[in-house]
Amino acid sequence: MRCELCLKSGMSGNNVSHSNRHTKTRFKANVHKQTLIQDGNQYKVKICSRCLRSLHKSPKFRKALASLKPVAASG
């Protein structure tokens, strides 16, 4: 999965054993599906933990969240 705000995604690399053998591995980003509420609107986003922590600190993240479509209110 990819973070919708910062576009962070996984990387590839190598696991290196004690005998120095290299095997391919995949390092995945810590991305979660989250429902966020801002200005009375609900947004369903896939967001990494770093963006989730920085959401209330930085105006950059608030602008990125405002560019997404709000979820229609059910009920």
N, C-alpha and C. Protein backbone atom coordinates (compact mmCIF):
# COMPACT_ATOMS: atom_id res chain seq x y z
N MET A 1 0.84 -1.17 0.00
CA MET A 1 0.00 0.00 0.00
C MET A 1 0.88 1.24 0.00
N ARG A 2 0.27 2.35 -0.38
CA ARG A 2 0.98 3.61 -0.47
C ARG A 2 0.22 4.67 0.31
N CYS A 3 0.96 5.52 1.02
CA CYS A 3 0.35 6.61 1.76
C CYS A 3 -0.19 7.64 0.76
N GLU A 4 -1.45 8.06 0.96
CA GLU A 4 -2.07 8.99 0.02
C GLU A 4 -1.60 10.42 0.22
N LEU A 5 -0.99 10.73 1.36
CA LEU A 5 -0.55 12.10 1.61
C LEU A 5 0.89 12.33 1.19
N CYS A 6 1.80 11.45 1.61
CA CYS A 6 3.22 11.66 1.29
C CYS A 6 3.73 10.72 0.21
N LEU A 7 2.88 9.80 -0.26
CA LEU A 7 3.20 8.83 -1.31
C LEU A 7 4.32 7.88 -0.93
N LYS A 8 4.50 7.65 0.37
CA LYS A 8 5.50 6.70 0.84
C LYS A 8 5.01 5.29 0.51
N SER A 9 5.92 4.43 0.04
CA SER A 9 5.57 3.05 -0.26
C SER A 9 6.74 2.16 0.17
N GLY A 10 6.67 0.90 -0.18
CA GLY A 10 7.70 -0.04 0.23
C GLY A 10 9.00 0.11 -0.53
N MET A 11 10.05 -0.50 0.03
CA MET A 11 11.36 -0.53 -0.62
C MET A 11 11.83 -1.98 -0.65
N SER A 12 12.78 -2.25 -1.51
CA SER A 12 13.37 -3.59 -1.52
C SER A 12 14.81 -3.48 -1.04
N GLY A 13 15.31 -4.59 -0.53
CA GLY A 13 16.67 -4.60 -0.02
C GLY A 13 17.12 -6.03 0.20
N ASN A 14 18.13 -6.21 1.02
CA ASN A 14 18.68 -7.52 1.28
C ASN A 14 18.71 -7.81 2.77
N ASN A 15 18.33 -9.05 3.14
CA ASN A 15 18.63 -9.56 4.47
C ASN A 15 20.03 -10.13 4.38
N VAL A 16 20.88 -9.80 5.33
CA VAL A 16 22.26 -10.29 5.31
C VAL A 16 22.47 -11.15 6.54
N SER A 17 22.81 -12.41 6.32
CA SER A 17 23.00 -13.33 7.43
C SER A 17 24.41 -13.19 8.01
N HIS A 18 24.66 -13.91 9.09
CA HIS A 18 25.97 -13.88 9.73
C HIS A 18 27.06 -14.38 8.78
N SER A 19 26.69 -15.32 7.90
CA SER A 19 27.66 -15.84 6.93
C SER A 19 27.72 -14.96 5.67
N ASN A 20 27.07 -13.79 5.72
CA ASN A 20 27.10 -12.78 4.66
C ASN A 20 26.35 -13.19 3.40
N ARG A 21 25.37 -14.11 3.54
CA ARG A 21 24.51 -14.43 2.40
C ARG A 21 23.46 -13.35 2.27
N HIS A 22 23.14 -12.96 1.03
CA HIS A 22 22.16 -11.91 0.77
C HIS A 22 20.91 -12.54 0.18
N THR A 23 19.77 -12.29 0.79
CA THR A 23 18.49 -12.73 0.25
C THR A 23 17.59 -11.50 0.13
N LYS A 24 16.87 -11.44 -0.97
CA LYS A 24 16.00 -10.29 -1.22
C LYS A 24 14.88 -10.22 -0.20
N THR A 25 14.50 -9.01 0.18
CA THR A 25 13.39 -8.81 1.11
C THR A 25 12.66 -7.53 0.70
N ARG A 26 11.50 -7.36 1.29
CA ARG A 26 10.68 -6.19 0.99
C ARG A 26 10.39 -5.47 2.31
N PHE A 27 10.71 -4.19 2.39
CA PHE A 27 10.43 -3.38 3.56
C PHE A 27 9.18 -2.56 3.27
N LYS A 28 8.08 -2.90 3.93
CA LYS A 28 6.80 -2.25 3.65
C LYS A 28 6.62 -1.03 4.55
N ALA A 29 5.96 -0.02 4.01
CA ALA A 29 5.65 1.18 4.78
C ALA A 29 4.55 0.85 5.79
N ASN A 30 4.55 1.57 6.90
CA ASN A 30 3.58 1.35 7.97
C ASN A 30 2.31 2.14 7.64
N VAL A 31 1.49 1.58 6.73
CA VAL A 31 0.31 2.26 6.20
C VAL A 31 -0.95 1.60 6.74
N HIS A 32 -1.91 2.43 7.17
CA HIS A 32 -3.17 1.95 7.72
C HIS A 32 -4.33 2.64 7.03
N LYS A 33 -5.47 1.95 6.96
CA LYS A 33 -6.70 2.58 6.49
C LYS A 33 -7.32 3.29 7.67
N GLN A 34 -7.58 4.58 7.52
CA GLN A 34 -8.03 5.38 8.64
C GLN A 34 -9.15 6.30 8.18
N THR A 35 -10.12 6.55 9.06
CA THR A 35 -11.14 7.54 8.79
C THR A 35 -10.82 8.77 9.63
N LEU A 36 -10.56 9.89 8.97
CA LEU A 36 -10.19 11.12 9.64
C LEU A 36 -11.33 12.12 9.53
N ILE A 37 -11.50 12.94 10.55
CA ILE A 37 -12.53 13.97 10.55
C ILE A 37 -11.84 15.32 10.63
N GLN A 38 -12.16 16.19 9.65
CA GLN A 38 -11.61 17.55 9.65
C GLN A 38 -12.69 18.50 9.16
N ASP A 39 -12.95 19.55 9.90
CA ASP A 39 -13.97 20.54 9.59
C ASP A 39 -15.34 19.91 9.38
N GLY A 40 -15.66 18.87 10.13
CA GLY A 40 -16.96 18.22 10.04
C GLY A 40 -17.10 17.25 8.89
N ASN A 41 -16.06 17.06 8.09
CA ASN A 41 -16.09 16.11 6.97
C ASN A 41 -15.28 14.87 7.33
N GLN A 42 -15.77 13.72 6.89
CA GLN A 42 -15.05 12.47 7.10
C GLN A 42 -14.28 12.12 5.83
N TYR A 43 -13.04 11.66 6.02
CA TYR A 43 -12.19 11.24 4.91
C TYR A 43 -11.67 9.85 5.20
N LYS A 44 -11.83 8.92 4.24
CA LYS A 44 -11.23 7.59 4.37
C LYS A 44 -9.93 7.62 3.58
N VAL A 45 -8.82 7.42 4.26
CA VAL A 45 -7.51 7.51 3.62
C VAL A 45 -6.64 6.34 4.04
N LYS A 46 -5.67 6.05 3.19
CA LYS A 46 -4.59 5.15 3.54
C LYS A 46 -3.43 6.05 3.92
N ILE A 47 -3.03 6.01 5.20
CA ILE A 47 -2.08 6.98 5.72
C ILE A 47 -1.00 6.27 6.52
N CYS A 48 0.25 6.71 6.36
CA CYS A 48 1.35 6.12 7.10
C CYS A 48 1.38 6.70 8.52
N SER A 49 2.04 6.03 9.42
CA SER A 49 2.04 6.45 10.81
C SER A 49 2.75 7.78 10.99
N ARG A 50 3.75 8.09 10.18
CA ARG A 50 4.44 9.37 10.28
C ARG A 50 3.51 10.52 9.92
N CYS A 51 2.71 10.38 8.87
CA CYS A 51 1.77 11.42 8.49
C CYS A 51 0.66 11.55 9.52
N LEU A 52 0.24 10.44 10.09
CA LEU A 52 -0.80 10.48 11.11
C LEU A 52 -0.34 11.25 12.34
N ARG A 53 0.92 11.10 12.71
CA ARG A 53 1.47 11.83 13.84
C ARG A 53 1.63 13.31 13.52
N SER A 54 2.00 13.62 12.28
CA SER A 54 2.30 15.00 11.90
C SER A 54 1.07 15.75 11.41
N LEU A 55 -0.08 15.11 11.38
CA LEU A 55 -1.27 15.68 10.76
C LEU A 55 -1.68 17.00 11.41
N HIS A 56 -1.67 17.06 12.73
CA HIS A 56 -2.10 18.28 13.41
C HIS A 56 -0.99 19.32 13.52
N LYS A 57 0.25 18.96 13.21
CA LYS A 57 1.38 19.88 13.35
C LYS A 57 1.60 20.73 12.10
N SER A 58 1.49 20.11 10.94
CA SER A 58 1.93 20.75 9.72
C SER A 58 0.76 21.16 8.83
N PRO A 59 0.75 22.38 8.33
CA PRO A 59 -0.31 22.79 7.41
C PRO A 59 -0.23 22.08 6.06
N LYS A 60 0.94 21.55 5.72
CA LYS A 60 1.11 20.81 4.47
C LYS A 60 0.19 19.60 4.44
N PHE A 61 0.08 18.89 5.55
CA PHE A 61 -0.75 17.70 5.61
C PHE A 61 -2.23 18.06 5.62
N ARG A 62 -2.58 19.18 6.25
CA ARG A 62 -3.98 19.61 6.25
C ARG A 62 -4.43 19.99 4.84
N LYS A 63 -3.53 20.63 4.07
CA LYS A 63 -3.87 20.99 2.68
C LYS A 63 -4.04 19.73 1.84
N ALA A 64 -3.18 18.74 2.04
CA ALA A 64 -3.27 17.50 1.29
C ALA A 64 -4.57 16.77 1.63
N LEU A 65 -4.97 16.80 2.88
CA LEU A 65 -6.20 16.16 3.30
C LEU A 65 -7.41 16.89 2.73
N ALA A 66 -7.34 18.21 2.64
CA ALA A 66 -8.44 18.98 2.09
C ALA A 66 -8.62 18.73 0.60
N SER A 67 -7.58 18.30 -0.10
CA SER A 67 -7.69 18.03 -1.53
C SER A 67 -8.40 16.70 -1.82
N LEU A 68 -8.56 15.84 -0.80
CA LEU A 68 -9.25 14.57 -0.98
C LEU A 68 -10.76 14.77 -0.91
N LYS A 69 -11.51 13.84 -1.48
CA LYS A 69 -12.97 13.90 -1.45
C LYS A 69 -13.48 13.40 -0.11
N PRO A 70 -14.41 14.13 0.52
CA PRO A 70 -15.00 13.64 1.76
C PRO A 70 -15.95 12.47 1.50
N VAL A 71 -16.10 11.61 2.50
CA VAL A 71 -17.00 10.46 2.42
C VAL A 71 -18.41 10.97 2.65
N ALA A 72 -19.36 10.46 1.87
CA ALA A 72 -20.77 10.87 2.04
C ALA A 72 -21.28 10.38 3.39
N ALA A 73 -21.99 11.23 4.10
CA ALA A 73 -22.52 10.87 5.42
C ALA A 73 -23.64 9.86 5.25
N SER A 74 -23.55 8.76 5.98
CA SER A 74 -24.59 7.73 5.90
C SER A 74 -25.60 7.96 7.01
N GLY A 75 -26.87 7.82 6.66
CA GLY A 75 -27.87 7.95 7.70
C GLY A 75 -29.03 8.77 7.39
